[in-house]
Every structure is written in C-alpha cells, then in structure tokens.
C-alpha cells in the first residue's frame, strides 16, 4: 500500500478533562513508501478457531440454567458470527458434551429441538461467572477506559455489544454491571433513537496508555518526548532501506496519548497518524486476546474523532498490527502481545476460554469416533421410520434419509443407519415384486 507522509504544524489544546497534547513543528515532506502484507502462520493459528469458541460460549451464556428452543437461539444468530450457510442446530450438535438436545412438541404437534447445558458445560460456565465477579473492578476500569477514548465519553450500546466478547464483558453486562454502578455509568437516549452508555466521571488515574506504562513515563507529553511502538515483522518480511529509514524517523515523532484531545491536529500529518496508531494500540490492549475483527471498529470513526479511512493504519504498520484473513473476515492482532502462539500476559478469562476450547475439541473427537448419544439413537429411529412409513422409492429413498441423518450423529453410525435403510428398501422392493408375481 502507498501512503503519503505529509507533515505540518499541529496544535491542540485541553478540554473536557483531557490532557494537553503536543505543540510540534513539523517540516513538509513527501515520501512514497510501499509496505506489503505477508502471511503470518503463527498468528493465523491464533485466530483460526476463535469463531467457533466465541459462538459456543455465547450460546452457553444465553442458555445458562435453562433449556431453550432452537428458534429462540436463532434470534441471537447475528451475535454468533457463524457462516450463513451453517444451520444453528448443526453447529450445536457438533458438541454433545456441551449441549444436550431434547424435543418438545409445538402447538401443531411438530417436534422442536430444545437445548440445555450438560453438567460439565454448566460447571465451566459457573467458573467463568466466578472469575468475572472476582475481577469486576478490572472490568469496570476496562469499560471506563473504552469510554474515555471517545470524544463525548459515550458509545452506543450496539457498538459496545460488538466488542463485549473481546473486552471480556459479561453477556448480560447491561443488567449485571451497569445498574450496579450508577455513579460511573448512565444509559442515555441518542439522537438516532439508539441507547448509549455514558461515562459520568473522568478518572485521571486511568488516563494513562499501556505504551506509557510500559515506558514507565506518565509525563511523556509534558516533556514532549517521542515514545516508540514495539515492532516485529513476520519471518521473511523484507523491509527496504527507504522504508526502514522512514520508520525510524516516524518512531521518533511525538507520541500523543489516546486520552488527549486531538481536535486541532491536522489529519494529513504523520503526527496525526501516530496518534491513530496509538488509539488502536490502546484499544487492542483493552481486549482479552489483544485482537478484534476489523468490522468491530469500523463504526468508531466519529466517537474516536478519527479521519476518513482510518483503518488503513493497520496495513500501513504491519510491524505493529497483523491482519489475519482467517474465518472469512479480517481480524486485527496486536503483534507485541504474542510470543509465538502464546499471550505474553494472560487475562484471567483466557484460562477459562482455553478450557472451553479444549472441551469443544473433545466433543468433536468423540463425535468422529462414533460414540453413541441419545440424539444419535433418535436419529436412527427417525431415519428408519422415514424410510418405512413415508414410502421412499428405491431410487430416492437413501438420499433424503442420509441427509436427515447426517446432521445428527457421527459417520460410523451413519453407515449403520444407511445399511438398515438399504435393507428395508430391498425388503420392500422384494415384497412388491413378489406380490406382483403372485397376482399374475
């Protein structure tokens, strides 16, 4: 990608509780720099399995202690992020050690799948709830810092909902977290009729970025020193000398805290670009796994006072951010947070999510080995009944029966059920022809 490094004088001031930014004289310069995207297999592996873990974890939080019909769970599909061509019931049945399936008849007599949590899944859910309660102060600080990054100290609840999994907020944070802290937060009506979450008081203690903490200097802005971002590249990434020279100069530019007011900063300057990088550097540090989907931040331009096409900084700085293209989407990963496949610093929720991912792998493995479940047995019965009582012909009977069975149980049991269906069809075919020969 190509970007132009234009520099001019930038001035901005303090208001609404913000810290005062830099007054920095910049010289005009025009540099044509090309930085390419290079695949990082290690970070791709970090991203690869998260979509399924996220979807299953959200379903666990929704079901909780109860037992819900599939049509109720389908109403939350937008939050799950599953592929459009994947049926929700198909996804749930992949993990019989997490979700227990039963059936109830609706008013028309049709069998409707209902889902409950297995004892093992509910136990892990309770462990997650206890972890969140023990770290509630940290969660409140994290939510406060997110709102402090915005110009009005306010975000639409819909925007926060898109980030709540990444931020580690409880699924029901609007009921369990917000009402219990009326001194910190208030739900307000926005001009577009949406509901917003507003921070009621500014906390100078929290208005220190992670980069400043790492540097051990909270007075960086006062001394006008430039803080450099930790940078690392994918193995085999070739950085040209011209690009390296520019990067070294860019790192020396003054660092503007993401908690400072930057309204008077010229968006065409490299100092402004460094401020944008600092905003997302801080935002990703607020997340549990130091990553989020690119689309989750696409509607943060106005709240964060960012220029048009602000997400291009992700491509412009591949040494700070990595864009993974796994799971049919783009996920922005903070490079410095990972040492190989492991987080350098783990949030308490990470252990819970790793246990949950392990449980999901065990469920898939058990299913692939053909371990019989109640649902698999039900599927065999349903398939046989379909073949026997719905009068499938010998030419089309196997196909619909196999399709209906495939969604319910492992491949080994599928073979057995298809064999039963085949025997029934052959038996029926013989009976028909025998009856015809007898009548003749």
Protein backbone atom coordinates (compact mmCIF):
# COMPACT_ATOMS: atom_id res chain seq x y z
CA UNK A 1 0.00 0.00 0.00
CA UNK A 2 1.09 3.53 -0.61
CA UNK A 3 0.77 6.35 1.83
CA UNK A 4 2.00 9.91 1.83
CA UNK A 5 3.84 11.31 4.76
CA UNK A 6 2.82 14.94 4.86
CA UNK A 7 3.85 17.00 7.85
CA UNK A 8 2.69 20.36 9.04
CA UNK A 9 2.40 22.29 12.25
CA UNK A 10 -0.02 20.68 14.74
CA UNK A 11 -1.59 22.43 17.71
CA UNK A 12 -4.24 21.15 20.04
CA UNK A 13 -5.44 22.03 23.50
CA UNK A 14 -7.03 20.60 26.60
CA UNK A 15 -10.75 20.49 27.31
CA UNK A 16 -13.41 18.26 28.89
CA UNK A 17 -10.92 16.64 31.24
CA UNK A 18 -8.43 15.68 28.50
CA UNK A 19 -4.68 16.10 28.84
CA UNK A 20 -2.99 18.77 26.77
CA UNK A 21 -1.40 17.45 23.59
CA UNK A 22 1.82 18.34 21.85
CA UNK A 23 2.68 21.54 20.05
CA UNK A 24 5.08 20.20 17.48
CA UNK A 25 6.64 21.94 14.47
CA UNK A 26 6.89 19.59 11.51
CA UNK A 27 8.59 20.07 8.17
CA UNK A 28 6.89 19.37 4.88
CA UNK A 29 7.99 16.08 3.37
CA UNK A 30 6.62 13.71 0.78
CA UNK A 31 7.75 10.11 0.91
CA UNK A 32 6.38 7.27 -1.19
CA UNK A 33 6.51 4.11 0.95
CA UNK A 34 5.24 0.67 -0.02
CA UNK A 35 4.68 -1.94 2.68
CA UNK A 36 3.31 -5.34 1.72
CA UNK A 37 1.09 -7.77 3.59
CA UNK A 38 2.86 -11.02 4.45
CA UNK A 39 1.07 -14.07 5.81
CA UNK A 40 1.90 -14.97 9.41
CA UNK A 41 1.03 -18.64 10.00
CA UNK A 42 1.54 -18.42 13.75
CA UNK A 43 -0.89 -15.55 14.28
CA UNK A 44 -3.31 -17.09 11.79
CA UNK A 45 -3.43 -20.16 14.04
CA UNK A 46 -4.23 -17.90 16.99
CA UNK A 47 -7.25 -16.54 15.12
CA UNK A 48 -8.36 -19.73 13.33
CA UNK A 49 -10.52 -21.45 15.95
CA UNK A 50 -11.89 -18.43 17.78
CA UNK A 51 -15.11 -18.04 15.78
CA UNK A 52 -16.47 -21.41 16.95
CA UNK A 53 -15.35 -20.84 20.54
CA UNK A 54 -16.98 -17.42 20.59
CA UNK A 55 -20.27 -18.71 19.15
CA UNK A 56 -20.47 -21.69 21.53
CA UNK A 57 -19.55 -19.54 24.54
CA UNK A 58 -22.28 -17.01 23.72
CA UNK A 59 -24.83 -19.83 23.38
CA UNK A 60 -23.77 -21.18 26.77
CA UNK A 61 -24.32 -17.73 28.31
CA UNK A 62 -27.76 -17.46 26.67
CA UNK A 63 -28.94 -20.92 27.75
CA UNK A 64 -27.42 -20.66 31.22
CA UNK A 65 -29.52 -22.67 33.69
CA UNK A 66 -32.50 -23.15 31.43
CA UNK A 67 -33.47 -25.09 28.34
CA UNK A 68 -34.35 -23.10 25.22
CA UNK A 69 -35.89 -23.98 21.83
CA UNK A 70 -33.81 -23.65 18.71
CA UNK A 71 -35.97 -20.80 17.36
CA UNK A 72 -35.15 -18.75 20.48
CA UNK A 73 -31.41 -19.28 19.98
CA UNK A 74 -31.75 -18.42 16.29
CA UNK A 75 -32.86 -14.94 17.32
CA UNK A 76 -29.31 -14.31 18.58
CA UNK A 77 -27.60 -15.59 15.45
CA UNK A 78 -26.26 -12.16 14.46
CA UNK A 79 -24.09 -12.10 17.58
CA UNK A 80 -22.64 -15.55 16.92
CA UNK A 81 -20.79 -14.72 13.72
CA UNK A 82 -21.39 -18.15 12.17
CA UNK A 83 -21.41 -18.68 8.38
CA UNK A 84 -24.81 -18.02 6.82
CA UNK A 85 -24.97 -21.48 5.28
CA UNK A 86 -24.43 -23.26 8.62
CA UNK A 87 -27.62 -24.25 10.42
CA UNK A 88 -27.57 -23.37 14.11
CA UNK A 89 -28.79 -26.83 15.08
CA UNK A 90 -25.99 -28.39 13.03
CA UNK A 91 -23.40 -26.31 14.86
CA UNK A 92 -24.83 -27.15 18.30
CA UNK A 93 -24.95 -30.89 17.58
CA UNK A 94 -21.21 -30.90 16.93
CA UNK A 95 -20.61 -30.58 20.67
CA UNK A 96 -22.75 -33.17 22.50
CA UNK A 97 -20.56 -32.83 25.62
CA UNK A 98 -21.63 -29.15 25.90
CA UNK A 99 -25.21 -29.04 24.65
CA UNK A 100 -27.84 -31.64 25.47
CA UNK A 101 -30.66 -31.85 22.93
CA UNK A 102 -34.21 -32.86 23.68
CA UNK A 103 -37.52 -32.45 21.89
CA UNK A 104 -40.86 -30.88 22.73
CA UNK A 105 -43.98 -30.78 20.61
CA UNK A 106 -45.26 -27.40 19.48
CA UNK A 107 -48.94 -26.49 19.14
CA UNK A 108 -49.08 -28.19 15.74
CA UNK A 109 -47.59 -31.43 17.02
CA UNK A 110 -44.18 -30.89 15.37
CA UNK A 111 -41.09 -31.95 17.28
CA UNK A 112 -38.99 -28.88 18.09
CA UNK A 113 -35.37 -29.23 19.31
CA UNK A 114 -34.64 -27.75 22.74
CA UNK A 115 -31.12 -27.33 24.12
CA UNK A 116 -29.76 -27.45 27.66
CA UNK A 117 -26.24 -27.41 29.05
CA UNK A 118 -24.51 -30.59 30.12
CA UNK A 119 -23.30 -30.66 33.77
CA UNK A 120 -19.69 -30.23 32.58
CA UNK A 121 -20.53 -27.17 30.50
CA UNK A 122 -22.59 -25.61 33.27
CA UNK A 123 -19.73 -26.14 35.74
CA UNK A 124 -17.33 -24.31 33.43
CA UNK A 125 -19.89 -21.54 32.94
CA UNK A 126 -20.10 -21.11 36.72
CA UNK A 127 -16.31 -20.90 36.86
CA UNK A 128 -16.43 -18.10 34.29
CA UNK A 129 -19.09 -16.24 36.30
CA UNK A 130 -16.98 -16.51 39.47
CA UNK A 131 -13.91 -15.26 37.59
CA UNK A 132 -15.82 -12.24 36.30
CA UNK A 133 -17.09 -11.44 39.79
CA UNK A 134 -13.60 -11.66 41.28
CA UNK A 135 -12.26 -9.31 38.58
CA UNK A 136 -15.20 -6.91 38.44
CA UNK A 137 -13.07 -3.87 39.36
CA UNK A 138 -10.77 -4.63 36.44
CA UNK A 139 -13.78 -4.99 34.11
CA UNK A 140 -15.15 -1.63 35.25
CA UNK A 141 -11.79 0.05 34.62
CA UNK A 142 -11.65 -1.50 31.18
CA UNK A 143 -15.11 -0.23 30.29
CA UNK A 144 -14.28 3.22 31.68
CA UNK A 145 -11.09 3.40 29.61
CA UNK A 146 -13.01 2.44 26.47
CA UNK A 147 -15.44 5.31 27.02
CA UNK A 148 -12.59 7.68 27.92
CA UNK A 149 -11.10 7.08 24.48
CA UNK A 150 -14.16 8.70 22.91
CA UNK A 151 -14.72 12.42 22.45
CA UNK A 152 -18.05 12.52 24.30
CA UNK A 153 -17.20 9.76 26.79
CA UNK A 154 -20.12 7.84 25.32
CA UNK A 155 -20.75 4.95 22.91
CA UNK A 156 -23.92 3.36 21.53
CA UNK A 157 -24.74 0.14 23.37
CA UNK A 158 -24.88 -1.57 19.99
CA UNK A 159 -21.21 -0.70 19.40
CA UNK A 160 -20.20 -2.00 22.84
CA UNK A 161 -22.15 -5.20 22.17
CA UNK A 162 -19.95 -5.84 19.14
CA UNK A 163 -16.87 -5.59 21.36
CA UNK A 164 -18.12 -7.19 24.59
CA UNK A 165 -16.71 -10.67 23.83
CA UNK A 166 -13.31 -9.15 23.01
CA UNK A 167 -13.44 -6.91 26.09
CA UNK A 168 -14.39 -9.83 28.33
CA UNK A 169 -17.62 -8.20 29.49
CA UNK A 170 -20.41 -10.45 30.79
CA UNK A 171 -23.01 -11.31 28.16
CA UNK A 172 -25.65 -9.57 30.30
CA UNK A 173 -23.45 -6.62 31.31
CA UNK A 174 -26.36 -4.20 30.78
CA UNK A 175 -28.24 -5.95 33.58
CA UNK A 176 -25.42 -7.25 35.81
CA UNK A 177 -22.80 -4.48 35.58
CA UNK A 178 -24.30 -1.13 34.58
CA UNK A 179 -27.18 -0.81 37.12
CA UNK A 180 -24.84 -1.70 39.99
CA UNK A 181 -22.59 1.28 39.23
CA UNK A 182 -24.87 4.34 38.85
CA UNK A 183 -22.01 6.62 39.91
CA UNK A 184 -20.00 5.58 36.84
CA UNK A 185 -22.44 4.91 34.01
CA UNK A 186 -25.73 6.13 32.69
CA UNK A 187 -27.89 4.85 29.82
CA UNK A 188 -28.98 7.77 27.62
CA UNK A 189 -31.17 8.20 24.56
CA UNK A 190 -29.18 9.16 21.45
CA UNK A 191 -30.47 11.47 18.68
CA UNK A 192 -30.91 8.48 16.34
CA UNK A 193 -33.14 6.78 18.97
CA UNK A 194 -30.46 4.27 19.92
CA UNK A 195 -29.41 3.76 23.52
CA UNK A 196 -25.96 4.97 24.55
CA UNK A 197 -23.73 4.27 27.55
CA UNK A 198 -22.21 7.43 29.03
CA UNK A 199 -19.32 7.72 31.47
CA UNK A 200 -20.27 10.12 34.24
CA UNK A 201 -16.85 10.99 35.65
CA UNK A 202 -13.33 11.26 34.25
CA UNK A 203 -10.60 9.34 36.08
CA UNK A 204 -7.08 10.72 35.62
CA UNK A 205 -5.72 7.52 37.12
CA UNK A 206 -6.99 5.59 34.11
CA UNK A 207 -5.95 8.16 31.50
CA UNK A 208 -2.53 6.56 31.04
CA UNK A 209 -1.96 4.40 27.98
CA UNK A 210 -0.34 0.98 28.04
CA UNK A 211 2.56 2.31 25.98
CA UNK A 212 3.22 4.96 28.63
CA UNK A 213 3.01 2.35 31.38
CA UNK A 214 5.46 0.11 29.57
CA UNK A 215 7.86 3.03 29.14
CA UNK A 216 7.49 3.92 32.82
CA UNK A 217 6.80 7.53 31.90
CA UNK A 218 3.48 9.15 32.60
CA UNK A 219 4.97 12.60 31.99
CA UNK A 220 5.84 11.91 28.36
CA UNK A 221 3.55 14.59 26.97
CA UNK A 222 4.90 17.22 29.32
CA UNK A 223 8.48 16.57 28.18
CA UNK A 224 7.48 16.25 24.51
CA UNK A 225 9.50 13.03 24.14
CA UNK A 226 8.51 10.57 21.43
CA UNK A 227 7.57 7.07 22.51
CA UNK A 228 8.33 4.25 20.09
CA UNK A 229 5.92 1.36 19.50
CA UNK A 230 7.27 -2.20 19.83
CA UNK A 231 7.70 -3.53 16.31
CA UNK A 232 8.24 -7.01 14.90
CA UNK A 233 7.72 -8.42 11.44
CA UNK A 234 6.70 -11.76 10.04
CA UNK A 235 9.63 -14.05 9.40
CA UNK A 236 10.85 -13.42 5.86
CA UNK A 237 9.42 -9.90 5.72
CA UNK A 238 11.81 -7.81 3.65
CA UNK A 239 11.87 -4.13 4.63
CA UNK A 240 13.58 -1.84 2.14
CA UNK A 241 16.17 0.63 3.34
CA UNK A 242 13.96 3.58 2.43
CA UNK A 243 11.10 2.12 4.44
CA UNK A 244 13.40 1.39 7.37
CA UNK A 245 14.71 4.95 7.35
CA UNK A 246 11.19 6.35 7.33
CA UNK A 247 10.08 4.01 10.11
CA UNK A 248 12.94 5.10 12.34
CA UNK A 249 12.03 8.77 11.83
CA UNK A 250 8.33 8.04 12.37
CA UNK A 251 9.06 6.32 15.69
CA UNK A 252 10.86 9.47 16.92
CA UNK A 253 7.80 11.66 16.40
CA UNK A 254 5.97 12.93 19.49
CA UNK A 255 3.54 10.46 20.99
CA UNK A 256 0.04 11.78 21.59
CA UNK A 257 -1.85 9.93 24.29
CA UNK A 258 -5.12 8.41 23.02
CA UNK A 259 -6.76 10.02 26.06
CA UNK A 260 -5.72 13.51 24.87
CA UNK A 261 -7.87 15.85 22.81
CA UNK A 262 -6.59 15.86 19.22
CA UNK A 263 -9.25 18.07 17.64
CA UNK A 264 -6.68 20.61 16.39
CA UNK A 265 -4.32 18.02 14.95
CA UNK A 266 -4.05 18.14 11.16
CA UNK A 267 -5.23 14.72 9.91
CA UNK A 268 -2.78 14.93 6.97
CA UNK A 269 0.27 14.79 9.20
CA UNK A 270 2.33 11.86 10.31
CA UNK A 271 1.90 13.00 13.93
CA UNK A 272 -1.84 12.52 13.45
CA UNK A 273 -1.20 9.07 12.01
CA UNK A 274 0.90 8.16 15.02
CA UNK A 275 -1.95 9.27 17.26
CA UNK A 276 -4.36 6.97 15.35
CA UNK A 277 -1.93 4.07 15.76
CA UNK A 278 -1.79 4.90 19.47
CA UNK A 279 -5.59 4.81 19.76
CA UNK A 280 -5.84 1.31 18.31
CA UNK A 281 -2.75 0.16 20.16
CA UNK A 282 -4.56 1.10 23.37
CA UNK A 283 -7.92 -0.32 22.23
CA UNK A 284 -6.39 -3.71 21.42
CA UNK A 285 -4.64 -3.73 24.80
CA UNK A 286 -8.08 -3.41 26.41
CA UNK A 287 -9.21 -6.67 24.80
CA UNK A 288 -8.75 -10.07 26.39
CA UNK A 289 -6.90 -11.67 23.48
CA UNK A 290 -5.37 -8.44 22.10
CA UNK A 291 -7.30 -8.73 18.84
CA UNK A 292 -10.66 -7.91 17.34
CA UNK A 293 -12.39 -8.12 13.98
CA UNK A 294 -11.82 -5.14 11.75
CA UNK A 295 -15.55 -4.59 11.28
CA UNK A 296 -15.96 -4.14 15.04
CA UNK A 297 -14.05 -0.84 14.90
CA UNK A 298 -15.38 0.40 11.57
CA UNK A 299 -18.11 2.47 13.26
CA UNK A 300 -15.77 4.11 15.78
CA UNK A 301 -14.62 6.92 13.49
CA UNK A 302 -16.81 9.70 14.90
CA UNK A 303 -16.68 8.68 18.59
CA UNK A 304 -12.88 8.46 18.44
CA UNK A 305 -12.51 11.63 16.31
CA UNK A 306 -10.70 9.80 13.51
CA UNK A 307 -10.34 10.84 9.86
CA UNK A 308 -11.81 9.01 6.88
CA UNK A 309 -10.27 5.62 6.02
CA UNK A 310 -8.66 5.49 9.45
CA UNK A 311 -8.39 1.68 9.43
CA UNK A 312 -5.72 1.90 6.73
CA UNK A 313 -3.19 2.33 9.54
CA UNK A 314 -3.46 -1.43 10.02
CA UNK A 315 -1.97 -2.01 6.56
CA UNK A 316 0.48 0.87 6.88
CA UNK A 317 2.05 -0.52 10.03
CA UNK A 318 2.41 -4.30 9.63
CA UNK A 319 5.12 -4.31 12.28
CA UNK A 320 2.59 -3.21 14.93
CA UNK A 321 -0.62 -4.82 13.67
CA UNK A 322 -1.22 -8.05 11.79
CA UNK A 323 -4.35 -8.52 9.70
CA UNK A 324 -5.42 -12.16 9.65
CA UNK A 325 -7.80 -13.19 6.88
CA UNK A 326 -8.96 -16.39 8.56
CA UNK A 327 -12.64 -17.22 9.16
CA UNK A 328 -13.77 -15.29 6.07
CA UNK A 329 -13.14 -11.96 7.77
CA UNK A 330 -10.28 -9.65 8.76
CA UNK A 331 -9.02 -9.77 12.32
CA UNK A 332 -6.56 -7.17 13.64
CA UNK A 333 -3.96 -8.66 16.01
CA UNK A 334 -1.53 -6.69 18.18
CA UNK A 335 1.84 -8.27 17.39
CA UNK A 336 3.66 -7.35 20.57
CA UNK A 337 1.09 -9.21 22.70
CA UNK A 338 2.12 -12.63 21.39
CA UNK A 339 5.26 -14.67 21.89
CA UNK A 340 4.79 -17.34 19.26
CA UNK A 341 1.23 -18.66 19.85
CA UNK A 342 1.03 -17.62 23.50
CA UNK A 343 -0.04 -14.33 25.04
CA UNK A 344 2.78 -12.59 26.86
CA UNK A 345 0.34 -11.53 29.60
CA UNK A 346 -2.81 -13.56 30.19
CA UNK A 347 -6.13 -12.17 31.33
CA UNK A 348 -7.89 -14.41 33.91
CA UNK A 349 -10.57 -15.16 31.30
CA UNK A 350 -8.03 -16.67 28.93
CA UNK A 351 -7.70 -19.85 31.00
CA UNK A 352 -11.49 -20.27 31.02
CA UNK A 353 -11.69 -19.87 27.25
CA UNK A 354 -8.83 -22.33 26.74
CA UNK A 355 -10.67 -24.90 28.86
CA UNK A 356 -13.81 -24.29 26.81
CA UNK A 357 -11.91 -24.71 23.54
CA UNK A 358 -10.45 -27.98 24.86
CA UNK A 359 -13.95 -29.19 25.74
CA UNK A 360 -15.12 -28.39 22.22
CA UNK A 361 -12.23 -30.36 20.70
CA UNK A 362 -13.13 -33.34 22.89
CA UNK A 363 -16.75 -33.13 21.72
CA UNK A 364 -15.72 -33.17 18.07
CA UNK A 365 -13.31 -36.05 18.70
CA UNK A 366 -15.96 -38.12 20.48
CA UNK A 367 -18.35 -37.46 17.61
CA UNK A 368 -15.78 -38.52 15.00
CA UNK A 369 -15.11 -41.76 16.89
CA UNK A 370 -18.77 -42.67 16.64
CA UNK A 371 -19.65 -42.64 20.34
CA UNK A 372 -23.41 -43.16 20.52
CA UNK A 373 -25.52 -40.45 22.09
CA UNK A 374 -29.23 -40.25 22.75
CA UNK A 375 -29.57 -37.88 19.82
CA UNK A 376 -27.77 -40.33 17.52
CA UNK A 377 -30.11 -43.12 18.56
CA UNK A 378 -33.12 -40.88 17.95
CA UNK A 379 -31.76 -40.07 14.50
CA UNK A 380 -31.50 -43.75 13.60
CA UNK A 381 -35.10 -44.32 14.64
CA UNK A 382 -36.32 -41.26 12.75
CA UNK A 383 -34.46 -42.29 9.61
CA UNK A 384 -35.80 -45.84 9.68
CA UNK A 385 -39.32 -44.56 10.27
CA UNK A 386 -38.97 -42.17 7.35
CA UNK A 387 -37.87 -44.98 5.05
CA UNK A 388 -40.54 -47.39 6.26
CA UNK A 389 -43.62 -45.23 6.70
CA UNK A 390 -43.15 -42.43 4.17
CA UNK A 391 -42.80 -44.91 1.31
CA UNK A 392 -39.48 -43.71 -0.14
CA UNK A 393 -38.97 -45.35 -3.52
CA UNK A 394 -35.93 -47.49 -4.13
CA UNK A 395 -34.39 -44.73 -6.29
CA UNK A 396 -34.71 -41.73 -3.98
CA UNK A 397 -35.13 -43.20 -0.52
CA UNK A 398 -31.48 -43.23 0.53
CA UNK A 399 -30.73 -39.60 -0.31
CA UNK A 400 -33.27 -37.80 1.94
CA UNK A 401 -32.74 -40.32 4.72
CA UNK A 402 -28.97 -39.85 4.65
CA UNK A 403 -29.31 -36.08 4.59
CA UNK A 404 -31.56 -36.04 7.62
CA UNK A 405 -29.27 -38.43 9.46
CA UNK A 406 -26.00 -36.68 8.66
CA UNK A 407 -26.82 -33.70 10.89
CA UNK A 408 -27.43 -35.84 13.96
CA UNK A 409 -24.61 -38.26 14.56
CA UNK A 410 -21.11 -39.48 13.58
CA UNK A 411 -20.09 -41.13 10.35
CA UNK A 412 -19.80 -44.66 11.76
CA UNK A 413 -23.38 -44.59 12.97
CA UNK A 414 -24.36 -43.07 9.65
CA UNK A 415 -23.08 -46.15 7.87
CA UNK A 416 -25.08 -48.44 10.17
CA UNK A 417 -28.29 -46.44 9.70
CA UNK A 418 -27.88 -46.32 5.91
CA UNK A 419 -27.34 -50.08 5.93
CA UNK A 420 -30.62 -50.50 7.83
CA UNK A 421 -32.39 -48.18 5.37
CA UNK A 422 -30.96 -50.15 2.43
CA UNK A 423 -32.15 -53.46 3.91
CA UNK A 424 -35.64 -52.04 4.41
CA UNK A 425 -35.75 -50.71 0.87
CA UNK A 426 -34.57 -54.01 -0.61
CA UNK A 427 -37.08 -55.86 1.55
CA UNK A 428 -39.85 -53.57 0.36
CA UNK A 429 -38.75 -53.97 -3.26
CA UNK A 430 -38.80 -57.77 -2.96
CA UNK A 431 -42.24 -57.70 -1.34
CA UNK A 432 -43.67 -55.52 -4.09
CA UNK A 433 -42.36 -57.75 -6.86
CA UNK A 434 -43.34 -60.91 -5.05
CA UNK A 435 -46.88 -59.56 -4.64
CA UNK A 436 -46.94 -58.68 -8.36
CA UNK A 437 -45.79 -62.17 -9.36
CA UNK A 438 -48.40 -63.72 -7.05
CA UNK A 439 -51.24 -61.65 -8.54
CA UNK A 440 -50.17 -62.63 -12.05
